[in-house]
C-alpha cells in the first residue's frame, strides 16, 4: 500500500469538503434562507418559529375514516357524519396539518414556485401523521399529473412528497402505476358535484403496470385533500386494478368549520 498516495487522497478529500462547506457558508451569508410563509430569515428550510406556531397539526381525536379532527373525543371507532353520509372508496385518510394560511403558502410554494426543497420536511410531517397507514403499506402511489401539465410544471409535487415519504418509511413508490388519462380542470372554485364530475374516469392503472398494485396495500399520496373527489377517483382506479386496500395520505386537508364534528 502506498501510504503517501493514501494520505494525499485523504487530504484532497478533506480539502474539497472544506471548500464545499465554505462555499455553502458564503452562500448562506450572501443569500440567507427565508421563511417560506413570512419571508423572515430562518435557519434551515421551511418556516420560522412564529409561522410554525400558526401551523395547525392534526392529532387525535379525529374521524378514523376521514381523519377530520374532532373538537372532543367521542370514543373509539366513532365516525364523523361526513364519513357516514358519504363513505369514500378509500379506507382511511390522514393529513399532517389543516389547510390554513401557512399550510397554503407551503403548498403553493412547492406546487407553483419550484420550491422542491420543501418536500423533505413536508414529507417528514406526513410520514409522522400517516405512521399507522405506512406500518403495513406495500406501495406508495403519488396522484399523477396529466403529461401536458407535468411538462409545463416540470415536476409533480405529489411525486416529490412521495419520494420524501419513501425515504422516511422505506415503503417503495409504485412508479407509473396510476395514469391520468385526460387533462382535468383545476378543482379550485368548483362545487363538490362539479369536482366529482371533473375527475370521473380521469385515472387508470394500465395493464402493464397493474402488477405494481395488484394484491397490495397502497397509500395514495397528494398535497391537499379538499372534497376528496380526486382521491376517491384515484382509489377507485386502484381498486379496479385489484389493489388490496387504498389509504390516502396528504400534507394538508380542508376542515370546514361548519361541517366539522362537534
C-alpha atoms as a PDB file:
ATOM      1  CA  UNK A   1       0.000   0.000   0.000  1.00  0.00           C
ATOM      2  CA  UNK A   2       1.326   3.451  -0.940  1.00  0.00           C
ATOM      3  CA  UNK A   3       0.969   5.423   2.298  1.00  0.00           C
ATOM      4  CA  UNK A   4       1.840   8.733   0.650  1.00  0.00           C
ATOM      5  CA  UNK A   5      -0.784   8.244  -2.063  1.00  0.00           C
ATOM      6  CA  UNK A   6      -3.411   7.343   0.520  1.00  0.00           C
ATOM      7  CA  UNK A   7      -2.515  10.350   2.656  1.00  0.00           C
ATOM      8  CA  UNK A   8      -2.605  12.620  -0.378  1.00  0.00           C
ATOM      9  CA  UNK A   9      -6.029  11.281  -1.399  1.00  0.00           C
ATOM     10  CA  UNK A  10      -7.434  11.787   2.125  1.00  0.00           C
ATOM     11  CA  UNK A  11      -6.011  15.305   2.248  1.00  0.00           C
ATOM     12  CA  UNK A  12      -7.596  16.081  -1.128  1.00  0.00           C
ATOM     13  CA  UNK A  13     -10.989  14.833   0.064  1.00  0.00           C
ATOM     14  CA  UNK A  14     -10.733  16.883   3.258  1.00  0.00           C
ATOM     15  CA  UNK A  15      -9.740  19.974   1.263  1.00  0.00           C
ATOM     16  CA  UNK A  16     -12.678  19.568  -1.141  1.00  0.00           C
ATOM     17  CA  UNK A  17     -15.050  19.093   1.807  1.00  0.00           C
ATOM     18  CA  UNK A  18     -13.689  22.239   3.481  1.00  0.00           C
ATOM     19  CA  UNK A  19     -14.099  24.241   0.268  1.00  0.00           C
ATOM     20  CA  UNK A  20     -17.668  22.966  -0.158  1.00  0.00           C
ATOM     21  CA  UNK A  21     -18.513  23.910   3.432  1.00  0.00           C
ATOM     22  CA  UNK A  22     -17.002  27.348   2.967  1.00  0.00           C
ATOM     23  CA  UNK A  23     -18.951  27.851  -0.275  1.00  0.00           C
ATOM     24  CA  UNK A  24     -22.213  26.878   1.416  1.00  0.00           C
ATOM     25  CA  UNK A  25     -21.449  29.209   4.329  1.00  0.00           C
ATOM     26  CA  UNK A  26     -20.682  32.091   1.979  1.00  0.00           C
ATOM     27  CA  UNK A  27     -23.910  31.476   0.068  1.00  0.00           C
ATOM     28  CA  UNK A  28     -25.912  31.402   3.304  1.00  0.00           C
ATOM     29  CA  UNK A  29     -24.391  34.718   4.332  1.00  0.00           C
ATOM     30  CA  UNK A  30     -24.990  36.294   0.922  1.00  0.00           C
ATOM     31  CA  UNK A  31     -28.460  34.805   0.467  1.00  0.00           C
ATOM     32  CA  UNK A  32     -29.957  33.953   3.872  1.00  0.00           C
ATOM     33  CA  UNK A  33     -32.724  31.351   3.885  1.00  0.00           C
ATOM     34  CA  UNK A  34     -36.118  32.975   4.280  1.00  0.00           C
ATOM     35  CA  UNK A  35     -39.276  31.622   5.865  1.00  0.00           C
ATOM     36  CA  UNK A  36     -41.488  30.497   3.014  1.00  0.00           C
ATOM     37  CA  UNK A  37     -44.550  31.998   4.710  1.00  0.00           C
ATOM     38  CA  UNK A  38     -43.464  35.414   6.027  1.00  0.00           C
ATOM     39  CA  UNK A  39     -40.035  35.850   4.303  1.00  0.00           C
ATOM     40  CA  UNK A  40     -38.183  36.417   7.575  1.00  0.00           C
ATOM     41  CA  UNK A  41     -34.658  34.899   7.797  1.00  0.00           C
ATOM     42  CA  UNK A  42     -34.740  31.362   9.173  1.00  0.00           C
ATOM     43  CA  UNK A  43     -32.154  28.696   9.943  1.00  0.00           C
ATOM     44  CA  UNK A  44     -32.582  25.721   7.649  1.00  0.00           C
ATOM     45  CA  UNK A  45     -35.506  25.216   5.267  1.00  0.00           C
ATOM     46  CA  UNK A  46     -39.187  25.822   5.845  1.00  0.00           C
ATOM     47  CA  UNK A  47     -40.865  28.135   8.329  1.00  0.00           C
ATOM     48  CA  UNK A  48     -39.772  30.398  11.162  1.00  0.00           C
ATOM     49  CA  UNK A  49     -40.748  29.832  14.777  1.00  0.00           C
ATOM     50  CA  UNK A  50     -43.620  32.295  14.526  1.00  0.00           C
ATOM     51  CA  UNK A  51     -45.161  30.626  11.480  1.00  0.00           C
ATOM     52  CA  UNK A  52     -44.500  27.196  12.981  1.00  0.00           C
ATOM     53  CA  UNK A  53     -46.815  28.079  15.861  1.00  0.00           C
ATOM     54  CA  UNK A  54     -49.509  29.021  13.319  1.00  0.00           C
ATOM     55  CA  UNK A  55     -49.409  25.613  11.633  1.00  0.00           C
ATOM     56  CA  UNK A  56     -52.335  23.545  12.890  1.00  0.00           C
ATOM     57  CA  UNK A  57     -51.074  19.967  13.092  1.00  0.00           C
ATOM     58  CA  UNK A  58     -53.837  17.353  13.133  1.00  0.00           C
ATOM     59  CA  UNK A  59     -53.706  14.965  16.080  1.00  0.00           C
ATOM     60  CA  UNK A  60     -56.232  12.643  17.761  1.00  0.00           C
ATOM     61  CA  UNK A  61     -59.100  12.709  18.301  1.00  0.00           C
ATOM     62  CA  UNK A  62     -60.185  12.535  14.664  1.00  0.00           C
ATOM     63  CA  UNK A  63     -62.515  10.517  12.451  1.00  0.00           C
ATOM     64  CA  UNK A  64     -60.835   7.127  11.926  1.00  0.00           C
ATOM     65  CA  UNK A  65     -62.098   7.046   8.319  1.00  0.00           C
ATOM     66  CA  UNK A  66     -61.580  10.578   7.011  1.00  0.00           C
ATOM     67  CA  UNK A  67     -59.065  11.963   9.508  1.00  0.00           C
ATOM     68  CA  UNK A  68     -61.273  15.013  10.169  1.00  0.00           C
ATOM     69  CA  UNK A  69     -60.373  16.383  13.635  1.00  0.00           C
ATOM     70  CA  UNK A  70     -62.989  16.169  16.384  1.00  0.00           C
ATOM     71  CA  UNK A  71     -63.448  19.018  18.842  1.00  0.00           C
ATOM     72  CA  UNK A  72     -63.744  16.466  21.653  1.00  0.00           C
ATOM     73  CA  UNK A  73     -63.131  12.722  21.914  1.00  0.00           C
ATOM     74  CA  UNK A  74     -66.403  10.913  21.118  1.00  0.00           C
ATOM     75  CA  UNK A  75     -64.951   7.493  21.949  1.00  0.00           C
ATOM     76  CA  UNK A  76     -63.145   4.802  19.938  1.00  0.00           C
ATOM     77  CA  UNK A  77     -64.336   3.946  16.454  1.00  0.00           C
ATOM     78  CA  UNK A  78     -66.965   6.684  16.123  1.00  0.00           C
ATOM     79  CA  UNK A  79     -67.126   8.059  12.581  1.00  0.00           C
ATOM     80  CA  UNK A  80     -67.828  11.619  11.510  1.00  0.00           C
ATOM     81  CA  UNK A  81     -71.194  12.419   9.963  1.00  0.00           C
ATOM     82  CA  UNK A  82     -69.486  13.019   6.609  1.00  0.00           C
ATOM     83  CA  UNK A  83     -67.898   9.562   6.648  1.00  0.00           C
ATOM     84  CA  UNK A  84     -71.295   8.000   7.379  1.00  0.00           C
ATOM     85  CA  UNK A  85     -73.200  10.060   4.799  1.00  0.00           C
ATOM     86  CA  UNK A  86     -70.600   9.884   2.004  1.00  0.00           C
ATOM     87  CA  UNK A  87     -68.225   6.964   2.605  1.00  0.00           C
ATOM     88  CA  UNK A  88     -65.252   7.156   0.217  1.00  0.00           C
ATOM     89  CA  UNK A  89     -63.744   4.355  -1.845  1.00  0.00           C
ATOM     90  CA  UNK A  90     -60.504   4.595   0.131  1.00  0.00           C
ATOM     91  CA  UNK A  91     -60.259   3.019   3.578  1.00  0.00           C
ATOM     92  CA  UNK A  92     -58.617   5.801   5.623  1.00  0.00           C
ATOM     93  CA  UNK A  93     -57.310   9.327   5.097  1.00  0.00           C
ATOM     94  CA  UNK A  94     -54.717  11.151   7.161  1.00  0.00           C
ATOM     95  CA  UNK A  95     -53.272  14.666   6.897  1.00  0.00           C
ATOM     96  CA  UNK A  96     -50.373  16.366   8.642  1.00  0.00           C
ATOM     97  CA  UNK A  97     -51.969  19.809   9.015  1.00  0.00           C
ATOM     98  CA  UNK A  98     -55.154  21.793   8.445  1.00  0.00           C
ATOM     99  CA  UNK A  99     -55.192  23.754   5.218  1.00  0.00           C
ATOM    100  CA  UNK A 100     -54.788  27.209   6.744  1.00  0.00           C
ATOM    101  CA  UNK A 101     -52.822  30.276   5.615  1.00  0.00           C
ATOM    102  CA  UNK A 102     -49.332  28.956   6.388  1.00  0.00           C
ATOM    103  CA  UNK A 103     -50.090  25.486   5.011  1.00  0.00           C
ATOM    104  CA  UNK A 104     -51.492  27.066   1.836  1.00  0.00           C
ATOM    105  CA  UNK A 105     -48.303  29.087   1.397  1.00  0.00           C
ATOM    106  CA  UNK A 106     -46.173  25.956   1.759  1.00  0.00           C
ATOM    107  CA  UNK A 107     -48.304  24.015  -0.723  1.00  0.00           C
ATOM    108  CA  UNK A 108     -48.278  26.822  -3.289  1.00  0.00           C
ATOM    109  CA  UNK A 109     -44.512  27.285  -2.931  1.00  0.00           C
ATOM    110  CA  UNK A 110     -43.931  23.580  -3.574  1.00  0.00           C
ATOM    111  CA  UNK A 111     -46.513  23.369  -6.340  1.00  0.00           C
ATOM    112  CA  UNK A 112     -46.027  26.563  -8.321  1.00  0.00           C
ATOM    113  CA  UNK A 113     -42.729  28.162  -7.246  1.00  0.00           C
ATOM    114  CA  UNK A 114     -40.258  25.292  -7.768  1.00  0.00           C
ATOM    115  CA  UNK A 115     -39.635  25.002  -4.007  1.00  0.00           C
ATOM    116  CA  UNK A 116     -38.865  21.285  -4.146  1.00  0.00           C
ATOM    117  CA  UNK A 117     -36.543  21.875  -1.181  1.00  0.00           C
ATOM    118  CA  UNK A 118     -39.703  21.959   0.966  1.00  0.00           C
ATOM    119  CA  UNK A 119     -40.713  18.393   0.059  1.00  0.00           C
ATOM    120  CA  UNK A 120     -38.408  16.623   2.577  1.00  0.00           C
ATOM    121  CA  UNK A 121     -39.737  18.490   5.633  1.00  0.00           C
ATOM    122  CA  UNK A 122     -43.354  18.317   4.422  1.00  0.00           C
ATOM    123  CA  UNK A 123     -42.908  14.614   3.690  1.00  0.00           C
ATOM    124  CA  UNK A 124     -41.452  14.072   7.158  1.00  0.00           C
ATOM    125  CA  UNK A 125     -44.537  15.626   8.755  1.00  0.00           C
ATOM    126  CA  UNK A 126     -46.748  13.479   6.511  1.00  0.00           C
ATOM    127  CA  UNK A 127     -44.891  10.285   7.433  1.00  0.00           C
ATOM    128  CA  UNK A 128     -45.420  11.104  11.096  1.00  0.00           C
ATOM    129  CA  UNK A 129     -49.146  11.752  10.563  1.00  0.00           C
ATOM    130  CA  UNK A 130     -49.559   8.585   8.496  1.00  0.00           C
ATOM    131  CA  UNK A 131     -47.495   6.211  10.604  1.00  0.00           C
ATOM    132  CA  UNK A 132     -50.405   3.778  11.039  1.00  0.00           C
ATOM    133  CA  UNK A 133     -51.093   3.772   7.294  1.00  0.00           C
ATOM    134  CA  UNK A 134     -47.441   3.222   6.424  1.00  0.00           C
ATOM    135  CA  UNK A 135     -46.912   0.488   9.020  1.00  0.00           C
ATOM    136  CA  UNK A 136     -48.236  -2.268   6.749  1.00  0.00           C
ATOM    137  CA  UNK A 137     -48.279  -0.450   3.394  1.00  0.00           C
ATOM    138  CA  UNK A 138     -46.627  -2.121   0.426  1.00  0.00           C
ATOM    139  CA  UNK A 139     -46.618   0.690  -2.129  1.00  0.00           C
ATOM    140  CA  UNK A 140     -46.861   4.474  -2.370  1.00  0.00           C
ATOM    141  CA  UNK A 141     -48.751   5.913  -5.338  1.00  0.00           C
ATOM    142  CA  UNK A 142     -48.497   9.674  -5.967  1.00  0.00           C
ATOM    143  CA  UNK A 143     -51.523  11.306  -7.603  1.00  0.00           C
ATOM    144  CA  UNK A 144     -50.344  11.799 -11.197  1.00  0.00           C
ATOM    145  CA  UNK A 145     -50.431  14.918 -13.335  1.00  0.00           C
ATOM    146  CA  UNK A 146     -51.522  14.798 -16.948  1.00  0.00           C
ATOM    147  CA  UNK A 147     -48.422  14.769 -19.138  1.00  0.00           C
ATOM    148  CA  UNK A 148     -49.183  18.244 -20.513  1.00  0.00           C
ATOM    149  CA  UNK A 149     -49.337  19.791 -17.062  1.00  0.00           C
ATOM    150  CA  UNK A 150     -46.303  17.792 -15.980  1.00  0.00           C
ATOM    151  CA  UNK A 151     -44.406  19.136 -18.988  1.00  0.00           C
ATOM    152  CA  UNK A 152     -45.245  22.755 -18.148  1.00  0.00           C
ATOM    153  CA  UNK A 153     -44.672  22.370 -14.399  1.00  0.00           C
ATOM    154  CA  UNK A 154     -41.550  20.169 -14.867  1.00  0.00           C
ATOM    155  CA  UNK A 155     -42.251  18.038 -11.792  1.00  0.00           C
ATOM    156  CA  UNK A 156     -45.123  16.503  -9.853  1.00  0.00           C
ATOM    157  CA  UNK A 157     -45.428  17.864  -6.311  1.00  0.00           C
ATOM    158  CA  UNK A 158     -47.135  14.640  -5.168  1.00  0.00           C
ATOM    159  CA  UNK A 159     -44.211  12.657  -6.558  1.00  0.00           C
ATOM    160  CA  UNK A 160     -41.750  14.867  -4.658  1.00  0.00           C
ATOM    161  CA  UNK A 161     -43.674  14.245  -1.423  1.00  0.00           C
ATOM    162  CA  UNK A 162     -43.846  10.506  -2.146  1.00  0.00           C
ATOM    163  CA  UNK A 163     -40.063  10.330  -2.573  1.00  0.00           C
ATOM    164  CA  UNK A 164     -39.585  12.055   0.785  1.00  0.00           C
ATOM    165  CA  UNK A 165     -42.008   9.609   2.452  1.00  0.00           C
ATOM    166  CA  UNK A 166     -40.281   6.672   0.758  1.00  0.00           C
ATOM    167  CA  UNK A 167     -37.004   7.744   2.362  1.00  0.00           C
ATOM    168  CA  UNK A 168     -38.690   8.142   5.760  1.00  0.00           C
ATOM    169  CA  UNK A 169     -40.739   4.935   5.767  1.00  0.00           C
ATOM    170  CA  UNK A 170     -38.958   2.537   3.419  1.00  0.00           C
ATOM    171  CA  UNK A 171     -42.248   1.896   1.569  1.00  0.00           C
ATOM    172  CA  UNK A 172     -41.417   1.846  -2.168  1.00  0.00           C
ATOM    173  CA  UNK A 173     -43.106   4.019  -4.775  1.00  0.00           C
ATOM    174  CA  UNK A 174     -45.103   2.192  -7.447  1.00  0.00           C
ATOM    175  CA  UNK A 175     -43.853   4.362 -10.280  1.00  0.00           C
ATOM    176  CA  UNK A 176     -46.194   4.902 -13.225  1.00  0.00           C
ATOM    177  CA  UNK A 177     -48.792   2.610 -11.652  1.00  0.00           C
ATOM    178  CA  UNK A 178     -51.505   5.238 -11.934  1.00  0.00           C
ATOM    179  CA  UNK A 179     -52.036   7.329 -15.059  1.00  0.00           C
ATOM    180  CA  UNK A 180     -54.101  10.477 -15.559  1.00  0.00           C
ATOM    181  CA  UNK A 181     -55.753   9.690 -18.861  1.00  0.00           C
ATOM    182  CA  UNK A 182     -57.087  13.146 -19.723  1.00  0.00           C
ATOM    183  CA  UNK A 183     -56.441  16.725 -18.620  1.00  0.00           C
ATOM    184  CA  UNK A 184     -58.878  17.933 -15.987  1.00  0.00           C
ATOM    185  CA  UNK A 185     -59.991  21.395 -15.000  1.00  0.00           C
ATOM    186  CA  UNK A 186     -58.418  22.820 -11.847  1.00  0.00           C
ATOM    187  CA  UNK A 187     -60.616  21.878  -8.890  1.00  0.00           C
ATOM    188  CA  UNK A 188     -60.334  25.315  -7.243  1.00  0.00           C
ATOM    189  CA  UNK A 189     -63.694  27.087  -7.267  1.00  0.00           C
ATOM    190  CA  UNK A 190     -65.724  24.008  -8.245  1.00  0.00           C
ATOM    191  CA  UNK A 191     -68.592  22.655  -6.160  1.00  0.00           C
ATOM    192  CA  UNK A 192     -68.435  19.143  -4.695  1.00  0.00           C
ATOM    193  CA  UNK A 193     -70.540  17.691  -7.523  1.00  0.00           C
ATOM    194  CA  UNK A 194     -68.501  19.562 -10.145  1.00  0.00           C
ATOM    195  CA  UNK A 195     -65.271  18.253  -8.633  1.00  0.00           C
ATOM    196  CA  UNK A 196     -66.592  14.691  -8.806  1.00  0.00           C
ATOM    197  CA  UNK A 197     -67.678  15.083 -12.448  1.00  0.00           C
ATOM    198  CA  UNK A 198     -64.382  16.760 -13.337  1.00  0.00           C
ATOM    199  CA  UNK A 199     -62.250  13.759 -12.308  1.00  0.00           C
ATOM    200  CA  UNK A 200     -64.685  10.956 -13.137  1.00  0.00           C
ATOM    201  CA  UNK A 201     -62.861   8.400 -15.273  1.00  0.00           C
ATOM    202  CA  UNK A 202     -59.712  10.542 -15.383  1.00  0.00           C
ATOM    203  CA  UNK A 203     -57.440   7.945 -13.762  1.00  0.00           C
ATOM    204  CA  UNK A 204     -56.493   4.436 -14.802  1.00  0.00           C
ATOM    205  CA  UNK A 205     -53.995   1.707 -13.951  1.00  0.00           C
ATOM    206  CA  UNK A 206     -52.600   0.474 -17.236  1.00  0.00           C
ATOM    207  CA  UNK A 207     -52.487  -3.281 -17.691  1.00  0.00           C
ATOM    208  CA  UNK A 208     -48.689  -3.379 -17.982  1.00  0.00           C
ATOM    209  CA  UNK A 209     -48.364  -1.648 -14.595  1.00  0.00           C
ATOM    210  CA  UNK A 210     -51.164  -3.445 -12.733  1.00  0.00           C
ATOM    211  CA  UNK A 211     -48.697  -5.837 -11.066  1.00  0.00           C
ATOM    212  CA  UNK A 212     -47.327  -2.896  -9.048  1.00  0.00           C
ATOM    213  CA  UNK A 213     -50.586  -2.594  -7.086  1.00  0.00           C
ATOM    214  CA  UNK A 214     -52.418  -5.884  -7.537  1.00  0.00           C
ATOM    215  CA  UNK A 215     -52.992  -7.534  -4.151  1.00  0.00           C
ATOM    216  CA  UNK A 216     -51.036  -4.794  -2.385  1.00  0.00           C
ATOM    217  CA  UNK A 217     -51.907  -2.336   0.386  1.00  0.00           C
ATOM    218  CA  UNK A 218     -51.453   1.048  -1.250  1.00  0.00           C
ATOM    219  CA  UNK A 219     -51.089   4.552   0.188  1.00  0.00           C
ATOM    220  CA  UNK A 220     -52.101   7.323  -2.216  1.00  0.00           C
ATOM    221  CA  UNK A 221     -50.003  10.490  -1.790  1.00  0.00           C
ATOM    222  CA  UNK A 222     -51.198  14.039  -2.547  1.00  0.00           C
ATOM    223  CA  UNK A 223     -50.596  17.584  -1.319  1.00  0.00           C
ATOM    224  CA  UNK A 224     -54.125  18.671  -0.337  1.00  0.00           C
ATOM    225  CA  UNK A 225     -57.431  16.927   0.336  1.00  0.00           C
ATOM    226  CA  UNK A 226     -60.449  19.190  -0.160  1.00  0.00           C
ATOM    227  CA  UNK A 227     -63.656  17.411  -1.100  1.00  0.00           C
ATOM    228  CA  UNK A 228     -61.878  14.085  -1.590  1.00  0.00           C
ATOM    229  CA  UNK A 229     -63.073  13.790  -5.208  1.00  0.00           C
ATOM    230  CA  UNK A 230     -59.591  13.325  -6.699  1.00  0.00           C
ATOM    231  CA  UNK A 231     -58.516  10.860  -4.006  1.00  0.00           C
ATOM    232  CA  UNK A 232     -61.750   8.924  -4.422  1.00  0.00           C
ATOM    233  CA  UNK A 233     -61.359   8.717  -8.219  1.00  0.00           C
ATOM    234  CA  UNK A 234     -57.768   7.516  -7.831  1.00  0.00           C
ATOM    235  CA  UNK A 235     -58.771   4.973  -5.178  1.00  0.00           C
ATOM    236  CA  UNK A 236     -61.489   3.554  -7.436  1.00  0.00           C
ATOM    237  CA  UNK A 237     -58.994   3.123 -10.272  1.00  0.00           C
ATOM    238  CA  UNK A 238     -56.529   1.359  -7.954  1.00  0.00           C
ATOM    239  CA  UNK A 239     -59.244  -0.898  -6.534  1.00  0.00           C
ATOM    240  CA  UNK A 240     -60.390  -1.792 -10.062  1.00  0.00           C
ATOM    241  CA  UNK A 241     -56.787  -2.892 -10.646  1.00  0.00           C
ATOM    242  CA  UNK A 242     -57.272  -5.167  -7.604  1.00  0.00           C
ATOM    243  CA  UNK A 243     -55.290  -3.269  -5.001  1.00  0.00           C
ATOM    244  CA  UNK A 244     -55.969  -4.952  -1.652  1.00  0.00           C
ATOM    245  CA  UNK A 245     -56.618  -1.623   0.106  1.00  0.00           C
ATOM    246  CA  UNK A 246     -56.157   2.059  -0.605  1.00  0.00           C
ATOM    247  CA  UNK A 247     -55.424   4.652   2.084  1.00  0.00           C
ATOM    248  CA  UNK A 248     -54.783   8.352   1.481  1.00  0.00           C
ATOM    249  CA  UNK A 249     -52.014  10.480   2.986  1.00  0.00           C
ATOM    250  CA  UNK A 250     -51.831  14.216   2.282  1.00  0.00           C
ATOM    251  CA  UNK A 251     -49.905  17.168   3.613  1.00  0.00           C
ATOM    252  CA  UNK A 252     -52.978  19.293   4.366  1.00  0.00           C
ATOM    253  CA  UNK A 253     -56.715  18.829   4.423  1.00  0.00           C
ATOM    254  CA  UNK A 254     -59.523  21.360   4.338  1.00  0.00           C
ATOM    255  CA  UNK A 255     -61.630  21.292   7.505  1.00  0.00           C
ATOM    256  CA  UNK A 256     -64.963  23.029   7.060  1.00  0.00           C
ATOM    257  CA  UNK A 257     -65.796  24.605  10.408  1.00  0.00           C
ATOM    258  CA  UNK A 258     -69.498  24.367   9.617  1.00  0.00           C
ATOM    259  CA  UNK A 259     -69.302  20.652   8.896  1.00  0.00           C
ATOM    260  CA  UNK A 260     -66.669  19.625  11.407  1.00  0.00           C
ATOM    261  CA  UNK A 261     -67.817  17.072  14.000  1.00  0.00           C
ATOM    262  CA  UNK A 262     -68.807  18.604  17.319  1.00  0.00           C
END
